[in-house]
Amino acid sequence: MARSSPKTQRCAVNPSDLTASLYFSAAVRVGADVSLTRLLPLDALNKPLAPHENFSQRVLLSLHALGIIEPELSQSHAEDWLLARDWMRHGFDSIAWRIRWAPRDCRRQHEEVKELLRDIELSDDTSQALLALWEDLAQAEVTQYARWTLAKSGYNPEWTDLAVDALRRALEDFSASQVMYLIYLAMRSVAMTHQQGGLDATRLGLVFSEAIANYARRAHIEHWTIRGMARPAELPISTLSMIFAHEVTRLDDEYLTVRPSLDALTTAMMRHRTIH
């Protein structure tokens, strides 16, 4: 599409292509080697690809399904996997990925994607795709925060799996940073219940999940004014979140402090375009 006026012409993009472009841009930016021929394993990255490890795996598997990357599992390394005694290290996060495009094509595609993401036409389909991604990222953010909070307090981070539905419902009414505060309150309930005794430790995970649901319900019904929690230094923003929040949508801090909605998304993107 020819551009008659850079200030008014926007890039039209298919919603599925938009999501794939965001995934590709994040993966290359954080994980590609200098030659643009391979992506480093997730456990070798200096920064997280996505807010939660399952989301990072989703990104890579999506790119693999699209034929953009393939795992480096050559015949010569098969014995390493078959006979490894330290098998815990041979998991998904230790797999490197080969970029199937030639380096020149990969570099060109990367530049085209960056240009596309800077100036997206805000159609109904595109807005819905961006909102869906924001909701997914918010879910990943609070899930990872819950895991970190539990582990920091000496509890099992896997208890977060019991609270996934409660976290998702909480995000229907509150921003990610506000839900993080509800997690903080729920963690206090777990600690108090544990100190009082009389409850099997294996049931504390249910206490955590139910406390989140209870606090979210009360906060909504009673119209609490909830202060949000700041992002802990131990949980740096992921590459995918950074691109989404600061380059594509221009939500910036509102990525965490505002509940995901079409109105908030449109306002942020239009505000930036009005200024510039």
C-alpha atoms as a PDB file:
ATOM      1  CA  MET A   1       0.000   0.000   0.000  1.00  0.00           C
ATOM      2  CA  ALA A   2       1.503   3.331  -1.095  1.00  0.00           C
ATOM      3  CA  ARG A   3       1.673   6.076   1.476  1.00  0.00           C
ATOM      4  CA  SER A   4       0.339   9.434   0.284  1.00  0.00           C
ATOM      5  CA  SER A   5       0.742  11.109   3.657  1.00  0.00           C
ATOM      6  CA  PRO A   6       2.843   9.584   6.479  1.00  0.00           C
ATOM      7  CA  LYS A   7       0.843  11.531   9.075  1.00  0.00           C
ATOM      8  CA  THR A   8      -2.570  10.219   8.019  1.00  0.00           C
ATOM      9  CA  GLN A   9      -2.018   6.897   6.243  1.00  0.00           C
ATOM     10  CA  ARG A  10      -2.023   3.870   8.546  1.00  0.00           C
ATOM     11  CA  CYS A  11      -0.913   0.288   8.009  1.00  0.00           C
ATOM     12  CA  ALA A  12      -3.866  -2.067   7.611  1.00  0.00           C
ATOM     13  CA  VAL A  13      -3.065  -5.480   9.039  1.00  0.00           C
ATOM     14  CA  ASN A  14      -4.875  -8.763   9.525  1.00  0.00           C
ATOM     15  CA  PRO A  15      -5.440  -9.448  13.266  1.00  0.00           C
ATOM     16  CA  SER A  16      -3.723 -12.836  13.118  1.00  0.00           C
ATOM     17  CA  ASP A  17      -0.785 -11.283  11.243  1.00  0.00           C
ATOM     18  CA  LEU A  18      -0.640  -8.573  13.912  1.00  0.00           C
ATOM     19  CA  THR A  19      -0.292 -11.080  16.743  1.00  0.00           C
ATOM     20  CA  ALA A  20       2.265 -13.088  14.784  1.00  0.00           C
ATOM     21  CA  SER A  21       4.206  -9.899  14.026  1.00  0.00           C
ATOM     22  CA  LEU A  22       4.307  -8.965  17.706  1.00  0.00           C
ATOM     23  CA  TYR A  23       5.492 -12.450  18.644  1.00  0.00           C
ATOM     24  CA  PHE A  24       8.145 -12.436  15.912  1.00  0.00           C
ATOM     25  CA  SER A  25       9.418  -8.980  16.827  1.00  0.00           C
ATOM     26  CA  ALA A  26       9.718  -9.851  20.521  1.00  0.00           C
ATOM     27  CA  ALA A  27      11.406 -13.201  19.888  1.00  0.00           C
ATOM     28  CA  VAL A  28      13.986 -11.735  17.502  1.00  0.00           C
ATOM     29  CA  ARG A  29      14.684  -8.715  19.658  1.00  0.00           C
ATOM     30  CA  VAL A  30      15.377 -10.659  22.844  1.00  0.00           C
ATOM     31  CA  GLY A  31      16.652 -13.969  21.535  1.00  0.00           C
ATOM     32  CA  ALA A  32      18.219 -13.756  18.076  1.00  0.00           C
ATOM     33  CA  ASP A  33      21.949 -14.104  17.611  1.00  0.00           C
ATOM     34  CA  VAL A  34      23.965 -11.521  15.661  1.00  0.00           C
ATOM     35  CA  SER A  35      23.665 -13.492  12.438  1.00  0.00           C
ATOM     36  CA  LEU A  36      19.848 -13.687  12.739  1.00  0.00           C
ATOM     37  CA  THR A  37      19.965 -17.435  12.107  1.00  0.00           C
ATOM     38  CA  ARG A  38      18.842 -18.796  15.492  1.00  0.00           C
ATOM     39  CA  LEU A  39      17.025 -17.936  18.711  1.00  0.00           C
ATOM     40  CA  LEU A  40      18.644 -18.664  22.048  1.00  0.00           C
ATOM     41  CA  PRO A  41      16.893 -21.041  24.467  1.00  0.00           C
ATOM     42  CA  LEU A  42      14.493 -19.397  26.893  1.00  0.00           C
ATOM     43  CA  ASP A  43      16.753 -20.238  29.838  1.00  0.00           C
ATOM     44  CA  ALA A  44      19.647 -18.375  28.188  1.00  0.00           C
ATOM     45  CA  LEU A  45      17.859 -15.054  27.647  1.00  0.00           C
ATOM     46  CA  ASN A  46      18.949 -11.940  29.537  1.00  0.00           C
ATOM     47  CA  LYS A  47      15.355 -10.686  29.672  1.00  0.00           C
ATOM     48  CA  PRO A  48      12.059 -12.598  29.669  1.00  0.00           C
ATOM     49  CA  LEU A  49      10.353 -13.027  26.318  1.00  0.00           C
ATOM     50  CA  ALA A  50       6.840 -12.860  27.846  1.00  0.00           C
ATOM     51  CA  PRO A  51       5.516 -12.210  31.376  1.00  0.00           C
ATOM     52  CA  HIS A  52       5.080 -15.920  32.189  1.00  0.00           C
ATOM     53  CA  GLU A  53       7.098 -18.951  31.051  1.00  0.00           C
ATOM     54  CA  ASN A  54       4.000 -20.618  29.596  1.00  0.00           C
ATOM     55  CA  PHE A  55       3.334 -17.498  27.530  1.00  0.00           C
ATOM     56  CA  SER A  56       6.946 -17.520  26.289  1.00  0.00           C
ATOM     57  CA  GLN A  57       6.485 -21.129  25.208  1.00  0.00           C
ATOM     58  CA  ARG A  58       3.235 -20.156  23.484  1.00  0.00           C
ATOM     59  CA  VAL A  59       5.079 -17.490  21.485  1.00  0.00           C
ATOM     60  CA  LEU A  60       7.705 -19.934  20.257  1.00  0.00           C
ATOM     61  CA  LEU A  61       5.226 -22.701  19.473  1.00  0.00           C
ATOM     62  CA  SER A  62       3.087 -20.214  17.517  1.00  0.00           C
ATOM     63  CA  LEU A  63       6.078 -19.140  15.436  1.00  0.00           C
ATOM     64  CA  HIS A  64       6.972 -22.795  14.922  1.00  0.00           C
ATOM     65  CA  ALA A  65       3.422 -23.582  13.747  1.00  0.00           C
ATOM     66  CA  LEU A  66       3.702 -20.727  11.247  1.00  0.00           C
ATOM     67  CA  GLY A  67       6.900 -22.233   9.843  1.00  0.00           C
ATOM     68  CA  ILE A  68       9.092 -19.305  10.933  1.00  0.00           C
ATOM     69  CA  ILE A  69      11.322 -21.226  13.358  1.00  0.00           C
ATOM     70  CA  GLU A  70      12.145 -24.856  14.059  1.00  0.00           C
ATOM     71  CA  PRO A  71      13.737 -26.506  17.104  1.00  0.00           C
ATOM     72  CA  GLU A  72      17.417 -27.377  16.958  1.00  0.00           C
ATOM     73  CA  LEU A  73      17.051 -31.088  17.633  1.00  0.00           C
ATOM     74  CA  SER A  74      19.478 -32.580  15.169  1.00  0.00           C
ATOM     75  CA  GLN A  75      20.342 -36.259  14.853  1.00  0.00           C
ATOM     76  CA  SER A  76      23.798 -35.567  16.239  1.00  0.00           C
ATOM     77  CA  HIS A  77      22.311 -34.351  19.520  1.00  0.00           C
ATOM     78  CA  ALA A  78      19.708 -37.117  19.847  1.00  0.00           C
ATOM     79  CA  GLU A  79      21.894 -39.163  22.173  1.00  0.00           C
ATOM     80  CA  ASP A  80      22.259 -36.189  24.520  1.00  0.00           C
ATOM     81  CA  TRP A  81      18.499 -36.228  24.988  1.00  0.00           C
ATOM     82  CA  LEU A  82      18.054 -40.002  25.033  1.00  0.00           C
ATOM     83  CA  LEU A  83      20.750 -40.774  27.596  1.00  0.00           C
ATOM     84  CA  ALA A  84      20.962 -37.587  29.645  1.00  0.00           C
ATOM     85  CA  ARG A  85      21.263 -38.302  33.361  1.00  0.00           C
ATOM     86  CA  ASP A  86      20.628 -34.640  34.216  1.00  0.00           C
ATOM     87  CA  TRP A  87      17.289 -34.836  32.397  1.00  0.00           C
ATOM     88  CA  MET A  88      15.780 -31.898  34.295  1.00  0.00           C
ATOM     89  CA  ARG A  89      17.937 -29.575  32.216  1.00  0.00           C
ATOM     90  CA  HIS A  90      16.665 -31.039  28.958  1.00  0.00           C
ATOM     91  CA  GLY A  91      13.264 -29.363  28.967  1.00  0.00           C
ATOM     92  CA  PHE A  92      11.492 -26.966  26.637  1.00  0.00           C
ATOM     93  CA  ASP A  93      13.363 -23.945  27.975  1.00  0.00           C
ATOM     94  CA  SER A  94      16.724 -25.436  26.987  1.00  0.00           C
ATOM     95  CA  ILE A  95      15.849 -25.786  23.289  1.00  0.00           C
ATOM     96  CA  ALA A  96      17.396 -23.372  20.790  1.00  0.00           C
ATOM     97  CA  TRP A  97      15.465 -22.502  17.650  1.00  0.00           C
ATOM     98  CA  ARG A  98      16.644 -22.145  14.061  1.00  0.00           C
ATOM     99  CA  ILE A  99      15.158 -19.250  12.072  1.00  0.00           C
ATOM    100  CA  ARG A 100      14.078 -20.727   8.756  1.00  0.00           C
ATOM    101  CA  TRP A 101      14.438 -17.516   6.773  1.00  0.00           C
ATOM    102  CA  ALA A 102      17.740 -16.452   5.268  1.00  0.00           C
ATOM    103  CA  PRO A 103      19.434 -13.757   7.415  1.00  0.00           C
ATOM    104  CA  ARG A 104      18.791 -11.090   4.773  1.00  0.00           C
ATOM    105  CA  ASP A 105      15.096 -11.997   4.618  1.00  0.00           C
ATOM    106  CA  CYS A 106      14.876 -12.140   8.409  1.00  0.00           C
ATOM    107  CA  ARG A 107      16.469  -8.706   8.745  1.00  0.00           C
ATOM    108  CA  ARG A 108      14.128  -7.234   6.122  1.00  0.00           C
ATOM    109  CA  GLN A 109      11.097  -8.835   7.756  1.00  0.00           C
ATOM    110  CA  HIS A 110      12.164  -7.547  11.172  1.00  0.00           C
ATOM    111  CA  GLU A 111      12.425  -3.987   9.855  1.00  0.00           C
ATOM    112  CA  GLU A 112       9.075  -4.252   8.071  1.00  0.00           C
ATOM    113  CA  VAL A 113       7.424  -5.531  11.238  1.00  0.00           C
ATOM    114  CA  LYS A 114       8.848  -2.653  13.293  1.00  0.00           C
ATOM    115  CA  GLU A 115       7.467  -0.198  10.734  1.00  0.00           C
ATOM    116  CA  LEU A 116       4.083  -1.934  10.718  1.00  0.00           C
ATOM    117  CA  LEU A 117       3.796  -1.936  14.502  1.00  0.00           C
ATOM    118  CA  ARG A 118       4.639   1.763  14.735  1.00  0.00           C
ATOM    119  CA  ASP A 119       1.664   2.860  12.656  1.00  0.00           C
ATOM    120  CA  ILE A 120      -1.263   0.444  12.799  1.00  0.00           C
ATOM    121  CA  GLU A 121      -4.676   1.283  11.366  1.00  0.00           C
ATOM    122  CA  LEU A 122      -7.050   1.058  14.302  1.00  0.00           C
ATOM    123  CA  SER A 123      -9.876  -0.943  12.712  1.00  0.00           C
ATOM    124  CA  ASP A 124     -12.477  -2.890  14.704  1.00  0.00           C
ATOM    125  CA  ASP A 125     -10.691  -6.189  14.045  1.00  0.00           C
ATOM    126  CA  THR A 126      -7.301  -4.774  14.953  1.00  0.00           C
ATOM    127  CA  SER A 127      -8.660  -3.212  18.140  1.00  0.00           C
ATOM    128  CA  GLN A 128     -10.205  -6.521  19.186  1.00  0.00           C
ATOM    129  CA  ALA A 129      -6.932  -8.348  18.501  1.00  0.00           C
ATOM    130  CA  LEU A 130      -4.953  -5.846  20.569  1.00  0.00           C
ATOM    131  CA  LEU A 131      -7.488  -6.014  23.397  1.00  0.00           C
ATOM    132  CA  ALA A 132      -7.337  -9.819  23.424  1.00  0.00           C
ATOM    133  CA  LEU A 133      -3.547  -9.660  23.632  1.00  0.00           C
ATOM    134  CA  TRP A 134      -3.706  -7.071  26.425  1.00  0.00           C
ATOM    135  CA  GLU A 135      -6.059  -9.327  28.386  1.00  0.00           C
ATOM    136  CA  ASP A 136      -3.736 -12.294  27.862  1.00  0.00           C
ATOM    137  CA  LEU A 137      -0.703 -10.281  28.931  1.00  0.00           C
ATOM    138  CA  ALA A 138      -2.499  -8.965  32.020  1.00  0.00           C
ATOM    139  CA  GLN A 139      -3.402 -12.526  32.980  1.00  0.00           C
ATOM    140  CA  ALA A 140       0.224 -13.565  32.531  1.00  0.00           C
ATOM    141  CA  GLU A 141       1.453 -10.580  34.563  1.00  0.00           C
ATOM    142  CA  VAL A 142      -0.724 -11.304  37.598  1.00  0.00           C
ATOM    143  CA  THR A 143      -0.103 -15.047  37.378  1.00  0.00           C
ATOM    144  CA  GLN A 144       3.636 -14.516  37.419  1.00  0.00           C
ATOM    145  CA  TYR A 145       3.275 -12.020  40.271  1.00  0.00           C
ATOM    146  CA  ALA A 146       1.291 -14.579  42.267  1.00  0.00           C
ATOM    147  CA  ARG A 147       3.978 -17.213  41.708  1.00  0.00           C
ATOM    148  CA  TRP A 148       6.696 -14.767  42.753  1.00  0.00           C
ATOM    149  CA  THR A 149       4.763 -13.688  45.859  1.00  0.00           C
ATOM    150  CA  LEU A 150       4.200 -17.264  47.006  1.00  0.00           C
ATOM    151  CA  ALA A 151       7.805 -18.270  46.425  1.00  0.00           C
ATOM    152  CA  LYS A 152       9.130 -15.137  48.161  1.00  0.00           C
ATOM    153  CA  SER A 153       7.057 -15.995  51.238  1.00  0.00           C
ATOM    154  CA  GLY A 154       8.292 -19.590  51.314  1.00  0.00           C
ATOM    155  CA  TYR A 155       5.164 -21.196  49.880  1.00  0.00           C
ATOM    156  CA  ASN A 156       4.626 -23.367  46.835  1.00  0.00           C
ATOM    157  CA  PRO A 157       4.381 -21.193  43.677  1.00  0.00           C
ATOM    158  CA  GLU A 158       2.418 -23.987  41.982  1.00  0.00           C
ATOM    159  CA  TRP A 159      -0.561 -22.980  44.143  1.00  0.00           C
ATOM    160  CA  THR A 160      -1.057 -20.243  41.579  1.00  0.00           C
ATOM    161  CA  ASP A 161      -2.598 -22.849  39.267  1.00  0.00           C
ATOM    162  CA  LEU A 162      -5.516 -23.101  41.698  1.00  0.00           C
ATOM    163  CA  ALA A 163      -6.105 -19.359  41.462  1.00  0.00           C
ATOM    164  CA  VAL A 164      -6.102 -18.924  37.667  1.00  0.00           C
ATOM    165  CA  ASP A 165      -9.893 -18.631  37.396  1.00  0.00           C
ATOM    166  CA  ALA A 166     -10.067 -16.225  40.345  1.00  0.00           C
ATOM    167  CA  LEU A 167      -7.368 -14.049  38.783  1.00  0.00           C
ATOM    168  CA  ARG A 168      -9.126 -14.028  35.426  1.00  0.00           C
ATOM    169  CA  ARG A 169     -12.420 -12.963  37.009  1.00  0.00           C
ATOM    170  CA  ALA A 170     -10.672 -10.263  39.039  1.00  0.00           C
ATOM    171  CA  LEU A 171      -9.220  -8.782  35.839  1.00  0.00           C
ATOM    172  CA  GLU A 172     -12.754  -8.243  34.551  1.00  0.00           C
ATOM    173  CA  ASP A 173     -13.169  -5.472  37.150  1.00  0.00           C
ATOM    174  CA  PHE A 174      -9.650  -4.350  38.021  1.00  0.00           C
ATOM    175  CA  SER A 175      -6.326  -3.486  36.457  1.00  0.00           C
ATOM    176  CA  ALA A 176      -3.337  -5.816  36.673  1.00  0.00           C
ATOM    177  CA  SER A 177      -1.665  -3.666  39.335  1.00  0.00           C
ATOM    178  CA  GLN A 178      -4.881  -3.654  41.412  1.00  0.00           C
ATOM    179  CA  VAL A 179      -5.152  -7.435  41.136  1.00  0.00           C
ATOM    180  CA  MET A 180      -1.559  -7.617  42.330  1.00  0.00           C
ATOM    181  CA  TYR A 181      -2.699  -5.799  45.465  1.00  0.00           C
ATOM    182  CA  LEU A 182      -5.501  -8.342  45.927  1.00  0.00           C
ATOM    183  CA  ILE A 183      -2.830 -11.047  45.646  1.00  0.00           C
ATOM    184  CA  TYR A 184      -0.878  -9.254  48.366  1.00  0.00           C
ATOM    185  CA  LEU A 185      -3.958  -9.297  50.616  1.00  0.00           C
ATOM    186  CA  ALA A 186      -4.557 -12.973  49.851  1.00  0.00           C
ATOM    187  CA  MET A 187      -0.950 -13.757  50.746  1.00  0.00           C
ATOM    188  CA  ARG A 188      -1.512 -12.161  54.161  1.00  0.00           C
ATOM    189  CA  SER A 189      -4.569 -14.388  54.649  1.00  0.00           C
ATOM    190  CA  VAL A 190      -2.494 -17.461  53.836  1.00  0.00           C
ATOM    191  CA  ALA A 191       0.217 -16.421  56.295  1.00  0.00           C
ATOM    192  CA  MET A 192      -2.330 -15.778  59.079  1.00  0.00           C
ATOM    193  CA  THR A 193      -4.081 -19.103  58.459  1.00  0.00           C
ATOM    194  CA  HIS A 194      -0.746 -20.899  58.485  1.00  0.00           C
ATOM    195  CA  GLN A 195       0.310 -19.269  61.760  1.00  0.00           C
ATOM    196  CA  GLN A 196      -2.974 -20.162  63.443  1.00  0.00           C
ATOM    197  CA  GLY A 197      -2.488 -23.820  62.530  1.00  0.00           C
ATOM    198  CA  GLY A 198      -5.254 -26.403  62.409  1.00  0.00           C
ATOM    199  CA  LEU A 199      -5.185 -26.620  58.608  1.00  0.00           C
ATOM    200  CA  ASP A 200      -3.212 -29.080  56.518  1.00  0.00           C
ATOM    201  CA  ALA A 201      -0.473 -27.307  54.562  1.00  0.00           C
ATOM    202  CA  THR A 202      -1.705 -28.845  51.323  1.00  0.00           C
ATOM    203  CA  ARG A 203      -4.964 -26.888  51.705  1.00  0.00           C
ATOM    204  CA  LEU A 204      -3.250 -23.509  51.924  1.00  0.00           C
ATOM    205  CA  GLY A 205      -3.327 -23.319  48.138  1.00  0.00           C
ATOM    206  CA  LEU A 206      -7.123 -23.322  48.287  1.00  0.00           C
ATOM    207  CA  VAL A 207      -6.996 -20.633  50.976  1.00  0.00           C
ATOM    208  CA  PHE A 208      -4.915 -18.513  48.586  1.00  0.00           C
ATOM    209  CA  SER A 209      -7.300 -19.007  45.654  1.00  0.00           C
ATOM    210  CA  GLU A 210     -10.436 -18.413  47.710  1.00  0.00           C
ATOM    211  CA  ALA A 211      -8.954 -15.312  49.334  1.00  0.00           C
ATOM    212  CA  ILE A 212      -8.269 -13.744  45.938  1.00  0.00           C
ATOM    213  CA  ALA A 213     -11.825 -14.487  44.787  1.00  0.00           C
ATOM    214  CA  ASN A 214     -13.283 -13.173  48.046  1.00  0.00           C
ATOM    215  CA  TYR A 215     -11.286  -9.943  48.062  1.00  0.00           C
ATOM    216  CA  ALA A 216     -12.081  -9.306  44.392  1.00  0.00           C
ATOM    217  CA  ARG A 217     -15.786  -9.865  44.993  1.00  0.00           C
ATOM    218  CA  ARG A 218     -15.863  -7.602  48.048  1.00  0.00           C
ATOM    219  CA  ALA A 219     -13.825  -4.912  46.331  1.00  0.00           C
ATOM    220  CA  HIS A 220     -16.253  -4.860  43.415  1.00  0.00           C
ATOM    221  CA  ILE A 221     -19.452  -4.905  45.481  1.00  0.00           C
ATOM    222  CA  GLU A 222     -18.224  -2.453  48.117  1.00  0.00           C
ATOM    223  CA  HIS A 223     -16.527  -0.162  45.558  1.00  0.00           C
ATOM    224  CA  TRP A 224     -13.109  -0.273  47.164  1.00  0.00           C
ATOM    225  CA  THR A 225     -10.530   2.259  46.134  1.00  0.00           C
ATOM    226  CA  ILE A 226      -7.621  -0.059  45.466  1.00  0.00           C
ATOM    227  CA  ARG A 227      -4.104   1.194  45.183  1.00  0.00           C
ATOM    228  CA  GLY A 228      -2.075  -0.713  42.665  1.00  0.00           C
ATOM    229  CA  MET A 229       1.167  -2.509  43.345  1.00  0.00           C
ATOM    230  CA  ALA A 230       4.303  -1.387  41.538  1.00  0.00           C
ATOM    231  CA  ARG A 231       6.165  -3.943  39.452  1.00  0.00           C
ATOM    232  CA  PRO A 232       8.840  -5.592  41.633  1.00  0.00           C
ATOM    233  CA  ALA A 233      12.435  -5.171  40.490  1.00  0.00           C
ATOM    234  CA  GLU A 234      12.698  -8.966  40.546  1.00  0.00           C
ATOM    235  CA  LEU A 235      10.070  -9.158  37.774  1.00  0.00           C
ATOM    236  CA  PRO A 236      11.387  -6.943  34.945  1.00  0.00           C
ATOM    237  CA  ILE A 237       9.031  -6.126  32.120  1.00  0.00           C
ATOM    238  CA  SER A 238       9.145  -8.727  29.368  1.00  0.00           C
ATOM    239  CA  THR A 239      10.134  -7.907  25.814  1.00  0.00           C
ATOM    240  CA  LEU A 240       6.677  -8.689  24.453  1.00  0.00           C
ATOM    241  CA  SER A 241       5.021  -6.484  27.087  1.00  0.00           C
ATOM    242  CA  MET A 242       7.446  -3.640  26.411  1.00  0.00           C
ATOM    243  CA  ILE A 243       6.768  -3.667  22.672  1.00  0.00           C
ATOM    244  CA  PHE A 244       3.010  -3.909  23.227  1.00  0.00           C
ATOM    245  CA  ALA A 245       2.774  -1.238  25.931  1.00  0.00           C
ATOM    246  CA  HIS A 246       5.371   1.311  24.823  1.00  0.00           C
ATOM    247  CA  GLU A 247       5.641   0.957  21.049  1.00  0.00           C
ATOM    248  CA  VAL A 248       2.379  -0.401  19.638  1.00  0.00           C
ATOM    249  CA  THR A 249      -0.456   0.795  21.891  1.00  0.00           C
ATOM    250  CA  ARG A 250       1.350   3.611  23.746  1.00  0.00           C
ATOM    251  CA  LEU A 251      -0.456   2.566  26.905  1.00  0.00           C
ATOM    252  CA  ASP A 252       2.802   3.020  28.794  1.00  0.00           C
ATOM    253  CA  ASP A 253       2.092   2.836  32.556  1.00  0.00           C
ATOM    254  CA  GLU A 254      -1.614   2.298  31.869  1.00  0.00           C
ATOM    255  CA  TYR A 255      -0.710  -1.169  30.594  1.00  0.00           C
ATOM    256  CA  LEU A 256      -0.687  -2.222  34.270  1.00  0.00           C
ATOM    257  CA  THR A 257      -2.692   0.521  35.969  1.00  0.00           C
ATOM    258  CA  VAL A 258      -5.854   0.495  33.813  1.00  0.00           C
ATOM    259  CA  ARG A 259      -8.306  -2.369  33.352  1.00  0.00           C
ATOM    260  CA  PRO A 260      -8.047  -3.759  29.805  1.00  0.00           C
ATOM    261  CA  SER A 261     -10.843  -2.302  27.675  1.00  0.00           C
ATOM    262  CA  LEU A 262     -11.435  -1.043  24.149  1.00  0.00           C
ATOM    263  CA  ASP A 263     -12.003   2.494  25.422  1.00  0.00           C
ATOM    264  CA  ALA A 264      -8.672   2.605  27.268  1.00  0.00           C
ATOM    265  CA  LEU A 265      -6.856   1.100  24.294  1.00  0.00           C
ATOM    266  CA  THR A 266      -8.364   3.488  21.756  1.00  0.00           C
ATOM    267  CA  THR A 267      -7.814   6.517  23.991  1.00  0.00           C
ATOM    268  CA  ALA A 268      -4.135   5.712  24.464  1.00  0.00           C
ATOM    269  CA  MET A 269      -3.459   5.167  20.759  1.00  0.00           C
ATOM    270  CA  MET A 270      -5.422   8.206  19.630  1.00  0.00           C
ATOM    271  CA  ARG A 271      -3.801  10.385  22.322  1.00  0.00           C
ATOM    272  CA  HIS A 272      -0.363   9.564  20.974  1.00  0.00           C
ATOM    273  CA  ARG A 273      -1.396  10.247  17.385  1.00  0.00           C
ATOM    274  CA  THR A 274      -2.940  13.582  18.348  1.00  0.00           C
ATOM    275  CA  ILE A 275       0.247  14.658  20.095  1.00  0.00           C
ATOM    276  CA  HIS A 276       2.450  13.570  17.220  1.00  0.00           C
END
